[in-house]
Amino acid sequence: MSEVRADEFLDCVGLFCPNPIIQTSIRMKKLEQGRVLEVAADDSTFPKDIPDWCAKMGYEFLGVSEDGGEFRALIRKP
């Protein structure tokens, strides 16, 4: 995940399920093809929900990392 650089950043820290996914969905619709979005969230369900959501929506899930209770996911719009 460290090799990929995000083109845009979305801060969802402090939001609880389903809001991080809702906000990610809104932002991904506006993102240009081929661009990568980095999403930060601290909701405990986020690391499981985001890859499932990406698969369902047809986005490329590039990975998720965790640092001190904050998760960072990278998603590419194909």
C-alpha atoms as a PDB file:
ATOM      1  CA  MET A   1       0.000   0.000   0.000  1.00  0.00           C
ATOM      2  CA  SER A   2       2.902   2.381   0.654  1.00  0.00           C
ATOM      3  CA  GLU A   3       3.908   2.391  -3.031  1.00  0.00           C
ATOM      4  CA  VAL A   4       0.607   3.933  -4.147  1.00  0.00           C
ATOM      5  CA  ARG A   5       0.074   7.653  -3.659  1.00  0.00           C
ATOM      6  CA  ALA A   6      -3.385   9.066  -3.160  1.00  0.00           C
ATOM      7  CA  ASP A   7      -4.668  11.811  -5.419  1.00  0.00           C
ATOM      8  CA  GLU A   8      -7.331  12.882  -2.920  1.00  0.00           C
ATOM      9  CA  PHE A   9      -7.974  12.476   0.804  1.00  0.00           C
ATOM     10  CA  LEU A  10     -11.249  11.997   2.686  1.00  0.00           C
ATOM     11  CA  ASP A  11     -11.342  12.382   6.474  1.00  0.00           C
ATOM     12  CA  CYS A  12     -14.100  10.267   8.036  1.00  0.00           C
ATOM     13  CA  VAL A  13     -12.564  10.129  11.522  1.00  0.00           C
ATOM     14  CA  GLY A  14     -15.311  10.500  14.110  1.00  0.00           C
ATOM     15  CA  LEU A  15     -18.032   9.170  11.803  1.00  0.00           C
ATOM     16  CA  PHE A  16     -19.747   5.881  12.554  1.00  0.00           C
ATOM     17  CA  CYS A  17     -21.157   3.192  10.280  1.00  0.00           C
ATOM     18  CA  PRO A  18     -22.562   3.655   7.691  1.00  0.00           C
ATOM     19  CA  ASN A  19     -21.333   7.249   7.310  1.00  0.00           C
ATOM     20  CA  PRO A  20     -17.716   6.517   6.254  1.00  0.00           C
ATOM     21  CA  ILE A  21     -19.033   4.354   3.401  1.00  0.00           C
ATOM     22  CA  ILE A  22     -21.663   6.934   2.446  1.00  0.00           C
ATOM     23  CA  GLN A  23     -19.073   9.730   2.347  1.00  0.00           C
ATOM     24  CA  THR A  24     -16.664   7.517   0.388  1.00  0.00           C
ATOM     25  CA  SER A  25     -19.405   6.720  -2.124  1.00  0.00           C
ATOM     26  CA  ILE A  26     -20.171  10.400  -2.681  1.00  0.00           C
ATOM     27  CA  ARG A  27     -16.495  11.239  -3.190  1.00  0.00           C
ATOM     28  CA  MET A  28     -15.802   8.272  -5.480  1.00  0.00           C
ATOM     29  CA  LYS A  29     -18.619   9.327  -7.814  1.00  0.00           C
ATOM     30  CA  LYS A  30     -16.844  12.672  -8.312  1.00  0.00           C
ATOM     31  CA  LEU A  31     -13.370  11.171  -8.696  1.00  0.00           C
ATOM     32  CA  GLU A  32     -11.872  10.911 -12.185  1.00  0.00           C
ATOM     33  CA  GLN A  33     -11.050   7.482 -13.609  1.00  0.00           C
ATOM     34  CA  GLY A  34      -7.645   6.143 -12.601  1.00  0.00           C
ATOM     35  CA  ARG A  35      -7.396   8.409  -9.547  1.00  0.00           C
ATOM     36  CA  VAL A  36      -6.817   7.091  -6.018  1.00  0.00           C
ATOM     37  CA  LEU A  37      -8.712   8.163  -2.913  1.00  0.00           C
ATOM     38  CA  GLU A  38      -7.294   7.743   0.590  1.00  0.00           C
ATOM     39  CA  VAL A  39      -9.943   7.453   3.296  1.00  0.00           C
ATOM     40  CA  ALA A  40      -9.212   7.858   7.010  1.00  0.00           C
ATOM     41  CA  ALA A  41     -11.707   6.415   9.502  1.00  0.00           C
ATOM     42  CA  ASP A  42     -11.745   5.225  13.086  1.00  0.00           C
ATOM     43  CA  ASP A  43     -14.956   3.192  13.003  1.00  0.00           C
ATOM     44  CA  SER A  44     -14.099  -0.397  13.952  1.00  0.00           C
ATOM     45  CA  THR A  45     -16.206  -1.880  11.130  1.00  0.00           C
ATOM     46  CA  PHE A  46     -14.470   0.156   8.408  1.00  0.00           C
ATOM     47  CA  PRO A  47     -11.594  -2.281   7.626  1.00  0.00           C
ATOM     48  CA  LYS A  48     -14.066  -5.084   6.883  1.00  0.00           C
ATOM     49  CA  ASP A  49     -16.726  -2.961   5.212  1.00  0.00           C
ATOM     50  CA  ILE A  50     -14.563  -1.030   2.755  1.00  0.00           C
ATOM     51  CA  PRO A  51     -13.145  -3.982   0.737  1.00  0.00           C
ATOM     52  CA  ASP A  52     -16.617  -5.546   0.521  1.00  0.00           C
ATOM     53  CA  TRP A  53     -18.112  -2.246  -0.622  1.00  0.00           C
ATOM     54  CA  CYS A  54     -15.370  -1.733  -3.232  1.00  0.00           C
ATOM     55  CA  ALA A  55     -15.986  -5.207  -4.678  1.00  0.00           C
ATOM     56  CA  LYS A  56     -19.719  -4.557  -4.850  1.00  0.00           C
ATOM     57  CA  MET A  57     -19.283  -1.149  -6.519  1.00  0.00           C
ATOM     58  CA  GLY A  58     -16.521  -2.141  -8.939  1.00  0.00           C
ATOM     59  CA  TYR A  59     -13.757  -0.024  -7.381  1.00  0.00           C
ATOM     60  CA  GLU A  60     -10.226  -1.317  -6.927  1.00  0.00           C
ATOM     61  CA  PHE A  61      -9.434  -1.820  -3.238  1.00  0.00           C
ATOM     62  CA  LEU A  62      -5.698  -1.249  -2.803  1.00  0.00           C
ATOM     63  CA  GLY A  63      -5.451  -1.995   0.909  1.00  0.00           C
ATOM     64  CA  VAL A  64      -6.039  -0.747   4.414  1.00  0.00           C
ATOM     65  CA  SER A  65      -3.606   0.009   7.214  1.00  0.00           C
ATOM     66  CA  GLU A  66      -4.096   0.801  10.890  1.00  0.00           C
ATOM     67  CA  ASP A  67      -2.196   3.134  13.168  1.00  0.00           C
ATOM     68  CA  GLY A  68      -3.347   3.912  16.691  1.00  0.00           C
ATOM     69  CA  GLY A  69      -6.986   3.057  16.029  1.00  0.00           C
ATOM     70  CA  GLU A  70      -7.165   5.037  12.791  1.00  0.00           C
ATOM     71  CA  PHE A  71      -7.585   3.141   9.548  1.00  0.00           C
ATOM     72  CA  ARG A  72      -6.412   4.331   6.124  1.00  0.00           C
ATOM     73  CA  ALA A  73      -7.798   2.765   2.962  1.00  0.00           C
ATOM     74  CA  LEU A  74      -6.712   3.348  -0.627  1.00  0.00           C
ATOM     75  CA  ILE A  75      -9.255   2.960  -3.419  1.00  0.00           C
ATOM     76  CA  ARG A  76      -8.761   3.413  -7.173  1.00  0.00           C
ATOM     77  CA  LYS A  77     -11.548   4.316  -9.549  1.00  0.00           C
ATOM     78  CA  PRO A  78     -11.056   2.150 -12.660  1.00  0.00           C
END
